[in-house]
């Protein structure tokens, strides 16, 4: 087991291959976002979901699906360089199915490697996840074949769909809120929680 500190910029993070998924869990203020951005920097093409407005990263923010579709296509088609797009619709949007459908279909053609950073993944992939959400389910299950990597964060892993967590090859787990989250993580992944972590530290597990 390796320990990574989110407040250390020059750390030897694992190399993420295109199509591999990553999950980061830890309490609010533990450094999840800092760690996520360090990992995301390995990718040339990044799209982020920031439903709660807490993701501090550079990029173009769009607030509705029409604007996202247009700006994504302009980058996807080569009309513009692929600088990060941050989809930040706020709490009014509870169904991201159309958003995921656009990405799933486009990257199935492109296959150039895409990092989809989902801040607080319970907002898009709650537990339990409805079987009616086809593309929401298919992204973690089969998106790897199109070189889509999901980089998901959450302060409460027990609220995140097993469909997403079990597909993650790279797991970074910091101090969690309580026994419920610990038991959920251990049952879902088969890994034992490290309960003696220092602040801003994450245990790393690889499936």
N, C-alpha and C. Protein backbone atom coordinates (compact mmCIF):
# COMPACT_ATOMS: atom_id res chain seq x y z
N UNK A 1 0.84 -1.20 0.00
CA UNK A 1 0.00 0.00 0.00
C UNK A 1 0.88 1.25 0.00
N UNK A 2 0.58 2.18 -0.90
CA UNK A 2 1.32 3.43 -0.98
C UNK A 2 0.48 4.55 -0.36
N UNK A 3 1.15 5.56 0.17
CA UNK A 3 0.49 6.74 0.73
C UNK A 3 0.87 7.95 -0.11
N UNK A 4 -0.12 8.70 -0.55
CA UNK A 4 0.13 9.92 -1.31
C UNK A 4 -0.43 11.10 -0.54
N UNK A 5 0.32 12.21 -0.55
CA UNK A 5 -0.13 13.44 0.11
C UNK A 5 -0.59 14.43 -0.95
N UNK A 6 -1.80 14.91 -0.80
CA UNK A 6 -2.37 15.80 -1.80
C UNK A 6 -1.70 17.16 -1.83
N UNK A 7 -1.03 17.55 -0.73
CA UNK A 7 -0.37 18.86 -0.68
C UNK A 7 1.09 18.81 -1.10
N UNK A 8 1.52 17.67 -1.64
CA UNK A 8 2.87 17.56 -2.20
C UNK A 8 2.78 17.50 -3.72
N UNK A 9 3.21 18.54 -4.39
CA UNK A 9 3.04 18.63 -5.84
C UNK A 9 3.93 17.64 -6.58
N UNK A 10 5.15 17.47 -6.11
CA UNK A 10 6.08 16.60 -6.82
C UNK A 10 6.06 15.20 -6.21
N UNK A 11 5.01 14.47 -6.50
CA UNK A 11 4.92 13.12 -5.99
C UNK A 11 4.81 12.15 -7.15
N UNK A 12 5.27 10.94 -6.93
CA UNK A 12 5.33 9.94 -7.98
C UNK A 12 3.98 9.22 -8.08
N UNK A 13 3.00 9.91 -8.65
CA UNK A 13 1.67 9.33 -8.81
C UNK A 13 1.71 8.21 -9.85
N UNK A 14 0.84 7.22 -9.72
CA UNK A 14 0.82 6.14 -10.71
C UNK A 14 0.45 6.67 -12.09
N UNK A 15 1.02 6.09 -13.10
CA UNK A 15 0.69 6.47 -14.48
C UNK A 15 -0.66 5.88 -14.84
N UNK A 16 -1.56 6.74 -15.28
CA UNK A 16 -2.90 6.31 -15.63
C UNK A 16 -2.96 6.09 -17.14
N UNK A 17 -3.35 4.90 -17.54
CA UNK A 17 -3.49 4.59 -18.96
C UNK A 17 -4.88 5.03 -19.45
N UNK A 18 -4.97 5.37 -20.72
CA UNK A 18 -6.25 5.76 -21.30
C UNK A 18 -7.27 4.65 -21.09
N UNK A 19 -8.43 5.01 -20.58
CA UNK A 19 -9.49 4.04 -20.35
C UNK A 19 -9.55 3.51 -18.93
N UNK A 20 -8.54 3.83 -18.10
CA UNK A 20 -8.57 3.39 -16.71
C UNK A 20 -9.30 4.42 -15.85
N UNK A 21 -10.12 3.94 -14.92
CA UNK A 21 -10.91 4.82 -14.07
C UNK A 21 -10.26 4.98 -12.70
N UNK A 22 -10.50 6.14 -12.08
CA UNK A 22 -9.89 6.49 -10.80
C UNK A 22 -10.98 6.99 -9.85
N UNK A 23 -10.89 6.59 -8.59
CA UNK A 23 -11.83 7.06 -7.58
C UNK A 23 -11.06 7.62 -6.39
N UNK A 24 -11.44 8.83 -5.95
CA UNK A 24 -10.81 9.48 -4.81
C UNK A 24 -11.88 9.80 -3.78
N UNK A 25 -11.70 9.32 -2.55
CA UNK A 25 -12.67 9.58 -1.48
C UNK A 25 -11.97 10.17 -0.27
N UNK A 26 -12.64 11.09 0.39
CA UNK A 26 -12.09 11.71 1.59
C UNK A 26 -13.01 12.81 2.07
N UNK A 27 -12.83 13.20 3.31
CA UNK A 27 -13.67 14.25 3.89
C UNK A 27 -13.49 15.59 3.18
N UNK A 28 -14.44 16.48 3.39
CA UNK A 28 -14.32 17.84 2.88
C UNK A 28 -13.05 18.48 3.42
N UNK A 29 -12.26 19.08 2.54
CA UNK A 29 -11.03 19.72 2.95
C UNK A 29 -9.83 18.80 3.04
N UNK A 30 -9.99 17.55 2.63
CA UNK A 30 -8.90 16.58 2.72
C UNK A 30 -7.90 16.69 1.58
N UNK A 31 -8.25 17.46 0.54
CA UNK A 31 -7.36 17.60 -0.60
C UNK A 31 -7.72 16.75 -1.80
N UNK A 32 -8.97 16.29 -1.87
CA UNK A 32 -9.41 15.45 -2.99
C UNK A 32 -9.23 16.17 -4.32
N UNK A 33 -9.66 17.42 -4.35
CA UNK A 33 -9.60 18.17 -5.62
C UNK A 33 -8.16 18.39 -6.05
N UNK A 34 -7.29 18.73 -5.12
CA UNK A 34 -5.87 18.95 -5.44
C UNK A 34 -5.27 17.68 -6.03
N UNK A 35 -5.57 16.54 -5.40
CA UNK A 35 -5.07 15.27 -5.90
C UNK A 35 -5.66 14.96 -7.27
N UNK A 36 -6.96 15.20 -7.43
CA UNK A 36 -7.62 14.92 -8.70
C UNK A 36 -7.02 15.74 -9.85
N UNK A 37 -6.73 17.00 -9.59
CA UNK A 37 -6.17 17.85 -10.63
C UNK A 37 -4.75 17.41 -10.99
N UNK A 38 -4.00 16.92 -10.00
CA UNK A 38 -2.66 16.41 -10.29
C UNK A 38 -2.74 15.20 -11.20
N UNK A 39 -3.69 14.32 -10.94
CA UNK A 39 -3.87 13.13 -11.78
C UNK A 39 -4.38 13.52 -13.16
N UNK A 40 -5.34 14.45 -13.22
CA UNK A 40 -5.92 14.87 -14.49
C UNK A 40 -4.88 15.50 -15.42
N UNK A 41 -3.84 16.07 -14.83
CA UNK A 41 -2.81 16.74 -15.65
C UNK A 41 -2.07 15.76 -16.56
N UNK A 42 -2.26 14.46 -16.34
CA UNK A 42 -1.65 13.46 -17.21
C UNK A 42 -2.35 13.38 -18.56
N UNK A 43 -3.53 13.98 -18.66
CA UNK A 43 -4.35 13.89 -19.86
C UNK A 43 -4.31 15.19 -20.67
N UNK A 44 -4.36 15.06 -21.99
CA UNK A 44 -4.39 16.23 -22.86
C UNK A 44 -5.81 16.74 -23.07
N UNK A 45 -6.79 15.86 -22.92
CA UNK A 45 -8.19 16.24 -23.15
C UNK A 45 -8.97 16.00 -21.86
N UNK A 46 -9.56 17.08 -21.31
CA UNK A 46 -10.24 17.00 -20.02
C UNK A 46 -11.62 17.66 -20.10
N UNK A 47 -12.62 16.96 -19.59
CA UNK A 47 -13.95 17.53 -19.37
C UNK A 47 -14.28 17.30 -17.90
N UNK A 48 -14.82 18.31 -17.24
CA UNK A 48 -15.14 18.18 -15.83
C UNK A 48 -16.61 18.47 -15.58
N UNK A 49 -17.16 17.81 -14.57
CA UNK A 49 -18.51 18.10 -14.09
C UNK A 49 -18.37 18.70 -12.69
N UNK A 50 -18.92 19.89 -12.52
CA UNK A 50 -18.83 20.58 -11.24
C UNK A 50 -20.22 21.07 -10.85
N UNK A 51 -21.08 20.14 -10.47
CA UNK A 51 -22.47 20.48 -10.18
C UNK A 51 -22.62 21.39 -8.97
N UNK A 52 -21.71 21.25 -7.99
CA UNK A 52 -21.83 22.03 -6.76
C UNK A 52 -21.03 23.34 -6.81
N UNK A 53 -20.26 23.55 -7.89
CA UNK A 53 -19.51 24.79 -8.03
C UNK A 53 -18.28 24.90 -7.16
N UNK A 54 -17.74 23.75 -6.73
CA UNK A 54 -16.60 23.75 -5.81
C UNK A 54 -15.26 23.44 -6.47
N UNK A 55 -15.28 23.12 -7.76
CA UNK A 55 -14.06 22.67 -8.43
C UNK A 55 -13.26 23.86 -8.92
N UNK A 56 -12.11 24.09 -8.29
CA UNK A 56 -11.25 25.22 -8.66
C UNK A 56 -10.23 24.77 -9.69
N UNK A 57 -10.58 24.87 -10.96
CA UNK A 57 -9.66 24.50 -12.02
C UNK A 57 -9.83 25.46 -13.19
N UNK A 58 -8.77 25.60 -13.96
CA UNK A 58 -8.81 26.48 -15.12
C UNK A 58 -9.53 25.79 -16.27
N UNK A 59 -10.33 26.56 -16.97
CA UNK A 59 -11.05 26.02 -18.11
C UNK A 59 -12.26 26.87 -18.42
N UNK A 60 -12.95 26.53 -19.48
CA UNK A 60 -14.15 27.26 -19.88
C UNK A 60 -15.37 26.64 -19.21
N UNK A 61 -16.12 27.44 -18.48
CA UNK A 61 -17.32 26.95 -17.80
C UNK A 61 -18.55 27.17 -18.68
N UNK A 62 -19.37 26.13 -18.74
CA UNK A 62 -20.66 26.23 -19.43
C UNK A 62 -21.73 25.75 -18.46
N UNK A 63 -22.94 26.30 -18.59
CA UNK A 63 -23.96 26.03 -17.58
C UNK A 63 -25.17 25.27 -18.12
N UNK A 64 -25.19 24.97 -19.43
CA UNK A 64 -26.32 24.21 -19.96
C UNK A 64 -25.84 23.24 -21.02
N UNK A 65 -26.66 22.25 -21.32
CA UNK A 65 -26.26 21.16 -22.19
C UNK A 65 -26.04 21.64 -23.63
N UNK A 66 -26.79 22.65 -24.06
CA UNK A 66 -26.63 23.16 -25.42
C UNK A 66 -25.27 23.81 -25.61
N UNK A 67 -24.87 24.62 -24.64
CA UNK A 67 -23.56 25.27 -24.71
C UNK A 67 -22.44 24.25 -24.64
N UNK A 68 -22.59 23.26 -23.77
CA UNK A 68 -21.57 22.21 -23.69
C UNK A 68 -21.43 21.48 -25.01
N UNK A 69 -22.55 21.08 -25.61
CA UNK A 69 -22.52 20.33 -26.87
C UNK A 69 -21.78 21.12 -27.95
N UNK A 70 -22.10 22.39 -28.05
CA UNK A 70 -21.47 23.23 -29.08
C UNK A 70 -19.97 23.39 -28.84
N UNK A 71 -19.56 23.71 -27.62
CA UNK A 71 -18.14 23.95 -27.34
C UNK A 71 -17.33 22.65 -27.39
N UNK A 72 -17.92 21.56 -26.97
CA UNK A 72 -17.26 20.26 -27.04
C UNK A 72 -17.04 19.86 -28.49
N UNK A 73 -18.07 20.04 -29.32
CA UNK A 73 -17.94 19.67 -30.73
C UNK A 73 -16.87 20.49 -31.42
N UNK A 74 -16.77 21.79 -31.09
CA UNK A 74 -15.75 22.64 -31.71
C UNK A 74 -14.35 22.15 -31.37
N UNK A 75 -14.15 21.65 -30.17
CA UNK A 75 -12.86 21.07 -29.79
C UNK A 75 -12.69 19.69 -30.41
N UNK A 76 -13.73 18.88 -30.33
CA UNK A 76 -13.70 17.51 -30.83
C UNK A 76 -13.39 17.47 -32.33
N UNK A 77 -13.94 18.41 -33.07
CA UNK A 77 -13.77 18.43 -34.53
C UNK A 77 -12.45 19.07 -34.96
N UNK A 78 -11.71 19.64 -34.01
CA UNK A 78 -10.43 20.26 -34.34
C UNK A 78 -10.54 21.73 -34.70
N UNK A 79 -11.72 22.32 -34.57
CA UNK A 79 -11.86 23.75 -34.85
C UNK A 79 -11.12 24.59 -33.81
N UNK A 80 -10.97 24.03 -32.61
CA UNK A 80 -10.23 24.70 -31.54
C UNK A 80 -9.34 23.67 -30.84
N UNK A 81 -8.29 24.16 -30.16
CA UNK A 81 -7.50 23.28 -29.32
C UNK A 81 -8.37 22.77 -28.17
N UNK A 82 -8.07 21.56 -27.70
CA UNK A 82 -8.93 20.95 -26.68
C UNK A 82 -8.51 21.42 -25.29
N UNK A 83 -8.90 22.65 -24.95
CA UNK A 83 -8.72 23.14 -23.59
C UNK A 83 -9.87 22.62 -22.73
N UNK A 84 -9.69 22.53 -21.40
CA UNK A 84 -10.70 21.93 -20.54
C UNK A 84 -12.05 22.64 -20.61
N UNK A 85 -13.11 21.84 -20.56
CA UNK A 85 -14.48 22.34 -20.45
C UNK A 85 -15.02 21.91 -19.09
N UNK A 86 -15.61 22.84 -18.36
CA UNK A 86 -16.19 22.54 -17.05
C UNK A 86 -17.69 22.73 -17.14
N UNK A 87 -18.42 21.63 -17.05
CA UNK A 87 -19.88 21.68 -17.10
C UNK A 87 -20.38 21.92 -15.69
N UNK A 88 -20.96 23.10 -15.46
CA UNK A 88 -21.36 23.50 -14.11
C UNK A 88 -22.81 23.99 -14.12
N UNK A 89 -23.78 23.05 -14.18
CA UNK A 89 -25.18 23.44 -14.31
C UNK A 89 -25.85 23.81 -13.00
N UNK A 90 -25.17 23.61 -11.87
CA UNK A 90 -25.80 23.90 -10.59
C UNK A 90 -26.70 22.76 -10.15
N UNK A 91 -27.41 22.97 -9.05
CA UNK A 91 -28.18 21.89 -8.44
C UNK A 91 -29.51 21.64 -9.13
N UNK A 92 -29.86 22.45 -10.12
CA UNK A 92 -31.15 22.26 -10.79
C UNK A 92 -31.18 21.04 -11.70
N UNK A 93 -30.03 20.55 -12.15
CA UNK A 93 -29.98 19.40 -13.05
C UNK A 93 -29.73 18.14 -12.25
N UNK A 94 -30.65 17.20 -12.35
CA UNK A 94 -30.52 15.94 -11.61
C UNK A 94 -30.31 14.74 -12.53
N UNK A 95 -30.34 14.95 -13.84
CA UNK A 95 -30.19 13.85 -14.79
C UNK A 95 -29.14 14.23 -15.83
N UNK A 96 -28.01 13.54 -15.80
CA UNK A 96 -26.90 13.85 -16.71
C UNK A 96 -26.86 12.91 -17.91
N UNK A 97 -27.94 12.18 -18.16
CA UNK A 97 -27.96 11.16 -19.20
C UNK A 97 -27.60 11.74 -20.58
N UNK A 98 -28.17 12.88 -20.95
CA UNK A 98 -27.88 13.48 -22.26
C UNK A 98 -26.42 13.90 -22.35
N UNK A 99 -25.89 14.45 -21.29
CA UNK A 99 -24.48 14.85 -21.24
C UNK A 99 -23.59 13.65 -21.50
N UNK A 100 -23.86 12.54 -20.80
CA UNK A 100 -23.03 11.34 -20.97
C UNK A 100 -23.23 10.72 -22.35
N UNK A 101 -24.43 10.81 -22.90
CA UNK A 101 -24.69 10.27 -24.24
C UNK A 101 -23.83 10.99 -25.29
N UNK A 102 -23.74 12.31 -25.18
CA UNK A 102 -22.94 13.09 -26.13
C UNK A 102 -21.48 12.63 -26.10
N UNK A 103 -20.93 12.51 -24.89
CA UNK A 103 -19.53 12.11 -24.74
C UNK A 103 -19.32 10.68 -25.21
N UNK A 104 -20.20 9.78 -24.79
CA UNK A 104 -20.04 8.36 -25.12
C UNK A 104 -20.01 8.14 -26.63
N UNK A 105 -20.96 8.74 -27.34
CA UNK A 105 -21.04 8.54 -28.79
C UNK A 105 -19.88 9.20 -29.52
N UNK A 106 -19.49 10.41 -29.08
CA UNK A 106 -18.41 11.14 -29.76
C UNK A 106 -17.06 10.46 -29.55
N UNK A 107 -16.77 10.05 -28.32
CA UNK A 107 -15.47 9.43 -28.03
C UNK A 107 -15.36 8.02 -28.58
N UNK A 108 -16.49 7.39 -28.86
CA UNK A 108 -16.48 6.07 -29.50
C UNK A 108 -15.91 6.17 -30.91
N UNK A 109 -16.05 7.35 -31.50
CA UNK A 109 -15.48 7.61 -32.82
C UNK A 109 -14.04 8.10 -32.70
N UNK A 110 -13.79 9.00 -31.77
CA UNK A 110 -12.50 9.68 -31.64
C UNK A 110 -11.42 8.78 -31.06
N UNK A 111 -11.67 8.23 -29.89
CA UNK A 111 -10.76 7.32 -29.19
C UNK A 111 -9.35 7.89 -29.01
N UNK A 112 -9.26 9.19 -28.69
CA UNK A 112 -7.96 9.83 -28.51
C UNK A 112 -7.58 9.98 -27.04
N UNK A 113 -8.42 9.48 -26.16
CA UNK A 113 -8.14 9.60 -24.73
C UNK A 113 -8.81 10.83 -24.14
N UNK A 114 -9.68 10.62 -23.18
CA UNK A 114 -10.40 11.72 -22.54
C UNK A 114 -10.48 11.45 -21.05
N UNK A 115 -10.19 12.46 -20.25
CA UNK A 115 -10.38 12.38 -18.80
C UNK A 115 -11.68 13.09 -18.45
N UNK A 116 -12.64 12.34 -17.91
CA UNK A 116 -13.90 12.92 -17.45
C UNK A 116 -13.83 13.03 -15.94
N UNK A 117 -13.58 14.24 -15.45
CA UNK A 117 -13.42 14.49 -14.02
C UNK A 117 -14.79 14.81 -13.43
N UNK A 118 -15.27 13.96 -12.52
CA UNK A 118 -16.57 14.17 -11.89
C UNK A 118 -16.37 14.52 -10.42
N UNK A 119 -16.61 15.77 -10.08
CA UNK A 119 -16.47 16.21 -8.70
C UNK A 119 -17.74 15.85 -7.93
N UNK A 120 -17.58 15.15 -6.79
CA UNK A 120 -18.70 14.64 -6.00
C UNK A 120 -19.60 13.77 -6.87
N UNK A 121 -19.12 12.55 -7.12
CA UNK A 121 -19.75 11.64 -8.07
C UNK A 121 -21.14 11.18 -7.66
N UNK A 122 -21.51 11.38 -6.39
CA UNK A 122 -22.87 11.01 -5.98
C UNK A 122 -23.91 11.87 -6.69
N UNK A 123 -23.51 13.02 -7.22
CA UNK A 123 -24.46 13.88 -7.92
C UNK A 123 -24.80 13.36 -9.31
N UNK A 124 -23.95 12.51 -9.87
CA UNK A 124 -24.20 11.96 -11.21
C UNK A 124 -24.41 10.45 -11.20
N UNK A 125 -23.76 9.76 -10.24
CA UNK A 125 -23.84 8.31 -10.15
C UNK A 125 -24.22 7.91 -8.72
N UNK A 126 -25.46 8.18 -8.31
CA UNK A 126 -25.88 7.83 -6.95
C UNK A 126 -26.09 6.33 -6.79
N UNK A 127 -26.08 5.90 -5.57
CA UNK A 127 -26.38 4.49 -5.24
C UNK A 127 -27.79 4.42 -4.62
N UNK A 128 -28.73 3.64 -5.18
CA UNK A 128 -28.54 2.79 -6.37
C UNK A 128 -28.72 3.59 -7.65
N UNK A 129 -28.09 3.13 -8.73
CA UNK A 129 -28.16 3.80 -10.02
C UNK A 129 -29.29 3.19 -10.84
N UNK A 130 -30.16 4.04 -11.35
CA UNK A 130 -31.31 3.55 -12.10
C UNK A 130 -30.88 2.80 -13.37
N UNK A 131 -31.45 1.62 -13.62
CA UNK A 131 -31.12 0.88 -14.85
C UNK A 131 -31.60 1.58 -16.11
N UNK A 132 -32.46 2.59 -15.96
CA UNK A 132 -32.96 3.33 -17.12
C UNK A 132 -31.91 4.29 -17.69
N UNK A 133 -30.87 4.60 -16.90
CA UNK A 133 -29.85 5.55 -17.33
C UNK A 133 -28.77 4.81 -18.13
N UNK A 134 -29.04 4.60 -19.40
CA UNK A 134 -28.19 3.76 -20.24
C UNK A 134 -26.76 4.27 -20.33
N UNK A 135 -26.57 5.52 -20.77
CA UNK A 135 -25.21 6.04 -21.00
C UNK A 135 -24.51 6.38 -19.68
N UNK A 136 -25.28 6.73 -18.66
CA UNK A 136 -24.70 6.96 -17.34
C UNK A 136 -24.06 5.68 -16.82
N UNK A 137 -24.69 4.55 -17.10
CA UNK A 137 -24.15 3.25 -16.69
C UNK A 137 -23.03 2.78 -17.62
N UNK A 138 -23.21 3.02 -18.92
CA UNK A 138 -22.26 2.49 -19.89
C UNK A 138 -20.90 3.18 -19.85
N UNK A 139 -20.86 4.44 -19.46
CA UNK A 139 -19.56 5.13 -19.41
C UNK A 139 -18.56 4.42 -18.50
N UNK A 140 -18.90 4.11 -17.24
CA UNK A 140 -17.93 3.38 -16.43
C UNK A 140 -17.76 1.93 -16.85
N UNK A 141 -18.80 1.31 -17.43
CA UNK A 141 -18.73 -0.10 -17.78
C UNK A 141 -17.96 -0.36 -19.06
N UNK A 142 -18.22 0.43 -20.10
CA UNK A 142 -17.60 0.16 -21.42
C UNK A 142 -16.88 1.35 -22.02
N UNK A 143 -16.89 2.49 -21.32
CA UNK A 143 -16.21 3.67 -21.86
C UNK A 143 -14.73 3.47 -22.07
N UNK A 144 -14.12 2.55 -21.32
CA UNK A 144 -12.68 2.29 -21.47
C UNK A 144 -12.32 1.86 -22.89
N UNK A 145 -13.26 1.22 -23.58
CA UNK A 145 -12.98 0.77 -24.94
C UNK A 145 -12.86 1.94 -25.91
N UNK A 146 -13.35 3.10 -25.49
CA UNK A 146 -13.21 4.33 -26.28
C UNK A 146 -12.15 5.25 -25.68
N UNK A 147 -11.34 4.70 -24.76
CA UNK A 147 -10.27 5.45 -24.09
C UNK A 147 -10.79 6.60 -23.24
N UNK A 148 -11.98 6.42 -22.67
CA UNK A 148 -12.52 7.39 -21.71
C UNK A 148 -12.11 6.96 -20.31
N UNK A 149 -11.45 7.85 -19.58
CA UNK A 149 -11.09 7.60 -18.19
C UNK A 149 -11.95 8.47 -17.29
N UNK A 150 -12.64 7.86 -16.35
CA UNK A 150 -13.42 8.61 -15.38
C UNK A 150 -12.58 8.82 -14.13
N UNK A 151 -12.48 10.08 -13.71
CA UNK A 151 -11.78 10.45 -12.48
C UNK A 151 -12.81 11.03 -11.53
N UNK A 152 -13.28 10.22 -10.59
CA UNK A 152 -14.40 10.61 -9.73
C UNK A 152 -13.94 10.88 -8.31
N UNK A 153 -14.53 11.89 -7.68
CA UNK A 153 -14.25 12.19 -6.28
C UNK A 153 -15.55 12.16 -5.49
N UNK A 154 -15.43 11.89 -4.19
CA UNK A 154 -16.61 11.94 -3.32
C UNK A 154 -16.17 11.99 -1.86
N UNK A 155 -16.91 12.75 -1.07
CA UNK A 155 -16.65 12.76 0.37
C UNK A 155 -17.40 11.62 1.05
N UNK A 156 -18.40 11.04 0.38
CA UNK A 156 -19.18 9.95 0.96
C UNK A 156 -19.29 8.81 -0.05
N UNK A 157 -18.34 7.88 -0.06
CA UNK A 157 -18.38 6.77 -1.03
C UNK A 157 -19.63 5.92 -0.94
N UNK A 158 -20.26 5.84 0.24
CA UNK A 158 -21.47 5.03 0.38
C UNK A 158 -22.62 5.57 -0.46
N UNK A 159 -22.52 6.84 -0.89
CA UNK A 159 -23.56 7.44 -1.72
C UNK A 159 -23.28 7.29 -3.21
N UNK A 160 -22.14 6.70 -3.57
CA UNK A 160 -21.74 6.56 -4.97
C UNK A 160 -22.04 5.15 -5.47
N UNK A 161 -22.51 5.07 -6.69
CA UNK A 161 -22.91 3.80 -7.27
C UNK A 161 -21.79 2.76 -7.28
N UNK A 162 -22.13 1.52 -6.92
CA UNK A 162 -21.18 0.41 -7.04
C UNK A 162 -20.75 0.23 -8.50
N UNK A 163 -21.65 0.53 -9.42
CA UNK A 163 -21.33 0.40 -10.84
C UNK A 163 -20.09 1.20 -11.18
N UNK A 164 -19.96 2.39 -10.60
CA UNK A 164 -18.80 3.22 -10.87
C UNK A 164 -17.58 2.77 -10.07
N UNK A 165 -17.73 2.59 -8.77
CA UNK A 165 -16.58 2.28 -7.92
C UNK A 165 -15.91 0.97 -8.31
N UNK A 166 -16.70 -0.05 -8.61
CA UNK A 166 -16.12 -1.35 -8.92
C UNK A 166 -15.37 -1.37 -10.25
N UNK A 167 -15.60 -0.36 -11.09
CA UNK A 167 -14.90 -0.29 -12.37
C UNK A 167 -13.60 0.52 -12.28
N UNK A 168 -13.31 1.06 -11.11
CA UNK A 168 -12.12 1.90 -10.95
C UNK A 168 -10.89 1.03 -10.65
N UNK A 169 -9.87 1.19 -11.45
CA UNK A 169 -8.61 0.46 -11.25
C UNK A 169 -7.76 1.11 -10.17
N UNK A 170 -7.84 2.44 -10.07
CA UNK A 170 -7.01 3.20 -9.13
C UNK A 170 -7.91 3.82 -8.06
N UNK A 171 -7.62 3.52 -6.79
CA UNK A 171 -8.44 4.01 -5.67
C UNK A 171 -7.55 4.77 -4.69
N UNK A 172 -7.93 6.01 -4.39
CA UNK A 172 -7.23 6.83 -3.41
C UNK A 172 -8.22 7.14 -2.29
N UNK A 173 -7.97 6.61 -1.10
CA UNK A 173 -8.94 6.74 -0.01
C UNK A 173 -8.29 7.45 1.17
N UNK A 174 -8.85 8.60 1.52
CA UNK A 174 -8.38 9.35 2.68
C UNK A 174 -9.23 9.05 3.90
N UNK A 175 -9.18 9.92 4.89
CA UNK A 175 -10.03 9.76 6.08
C UNK A 175 -11.49 9.97 5.69
N UNK A 176 -12.34 9.02 6.09
CA UNK A 176 -13.75 9.08 5.76
C UNK A 176 -14.57 9.56 6.95
N UNK A 177 -15.85 9.86 6.68
CA UNK A 177 -16.68 10.45 7.72
C UNK A 177 -17.07 9.45 8.80
N UNK A 178 -17.34 8.21 8.41
CA UNK A 178 -17.83 7.29 9.44
C UNK A 178 -17.75 5.84 9.05
N UNK A 179 -18.25 5.00 9.95
CA UNK A 179 -18.19 3.55 9.77
C UNK A 179 -18.96 3.10 8.53
N UNK A 180 -20.09 3.76 8.25
CA UNK A 180 -20.89 3.38 7.09
C UNK A 180 -20.12 3.48 5.80
N UNK A 181 -19.37 4.57 5.62
CA UNK A 181 -18.56 4.74 4.42
C UNK A 181 -17.43 3.72 4.38
N UNK A 182 -16.81 3.48 5.51
CA UNK A 182 -15.71 2.52 5.57
C UNK A 182 -16.18 1.11 5.19
N UNK A 183 -17.30 0.68 5.78
CA UNK A 183 -17.82 -0.65 5.50
C UNK A 183 -18.24 -0.77 4.03
N UNK A 184 -18.85 0.29 3.49
CA UNK A 184 -19.29 0.26 2.10
C UNK A 184 -18.09 0.10 1.17
N UNK A 185 -17.05 0.88 1.43
CA UNK A 185 -15.85 0.80 0.59
C UNK A 185 -15.22 -0.58 0.68
N UNK A 186 -15.08 -1.10 1.90
CA UNK A 186 -14.44 -2.40 2.08
C UNK A 186 -15.25 -3.52 1.42
N UNK A 187 -16.57 -3.46 1.55
CA UNK A 187 -17.42 -4.49 0.95
C UNK A 187 -17.41 -4.39 -0.57
N UNK A 188 -17.43 -3.17 -1.09
CA UNK A 188 -17.52 -2.97 -2.53
C UNK A 188 -16.22 -3.31 -3.24
N UNK A 189 -15.08 -2.99 -2.61
CA UNK A 189 -13.80 -3.15 -3.30
C UNK A 189 -12.98 -4.33 -2.81
N UNK A 190 -13.27 -4.82 -1.61
CA UNK A 190 -12.46 -5.91 -1.05
C UNK A 190 -11.18 -5.44 -0.40
N UNK A 191 -10.98 -4.12 -0.28
CA UNK A 191 -9.79 -3.56 0.35
C UNK A 191 -10.10 -3.10 1.77
N UNK A 192 -9.14 -3.25 2.66
CA UNK A 192 -9.32 -2.80 4.04
C UNK A 192 -8.93 -1.33 4.16
N UNK A 193 -9.75 -0.58 4.90
CA UNK A 193 -9.52 0.85 5.09
C UNK A 193 -8.33 1.09 6.03
N UNK A 194 -7.49 2.06 5.67
CA UNK A 194 -6.42 2.53 6.54
C UNK A 194 -7.00 3.64 7.42
N UNK A 195 -7.13 3.39 8.72
CA UNK A 195 -7.78 4.35 9.63
C UNK A 195 -6.78 5.25 10.36
N UNK A 196 -5.50 5.18 9.99
CA UNK A 196 -4.48 5.96 10.70
C UNK A 196 -3.74 6.91 9.77
N UNK A 197 -4.48 7.56 8.91
CA UNK A 197 -3.88 8.47 7.95
C UNK A 197 -3.68 9.87 8.53
N UNK A 198 -2.60 10.51 8.15
CA UNK A 198 -2.39 11.91 8.50
C UNK A 198 -3.29 12.79 7.63
N UNK A 199 -3.49 14.06 7.99
CA UNK A 199 -4.27 14.96 7.14
C UNK A 199 -3.67 15.09 5.74
N UNK A 200 -4.52 15.23 4.76
CA UNK A 200 -4.13 15.39 3.35
C UNK A 200 -3.41 14.16 2.81
N UNK A 201 -3.65 13.00 3.42
CA UNK A 201 -3.01 11.76 2.98
C UNK A 201 -4.06 10.79 2.45
N UNK A 202 -3.67 10.01 1.45
CA UNK A 202 -4.57 9.05 0.83
C UNK A 202 -3.85 7.72 0.66
N UNK A 203 -4.52 6.64 1.06
CA UNK A 203 -4.01 5.31 0.77
C UNK A 203 -4.34 4.98 -0.68
N UNK A 204 -3.41 4.34 -1.36
CA UNK A 204 -3.62 3.99 -2.77
C UNK A 204 -3.78 2.48 -2.91
N UNK A 205 -4.84 2.10 -3.63
CA UNK A 205 -5.11 0.70 -3.91
C UNK A 205 -5.27 0.54 -5.42
N UNK A 206 -4.83 -0.58 -5.96
CA UNK A 206 -4.97 -0.83 -7.39
C UNK A 206 -5.68 -2.16 -7.57
N UNK A 207 -6.76 -2.13 -8.35
CA UNK A 207 -7.52 -3.35 -8.61
C UNK A 207 -7.04 -4.04 -9.89
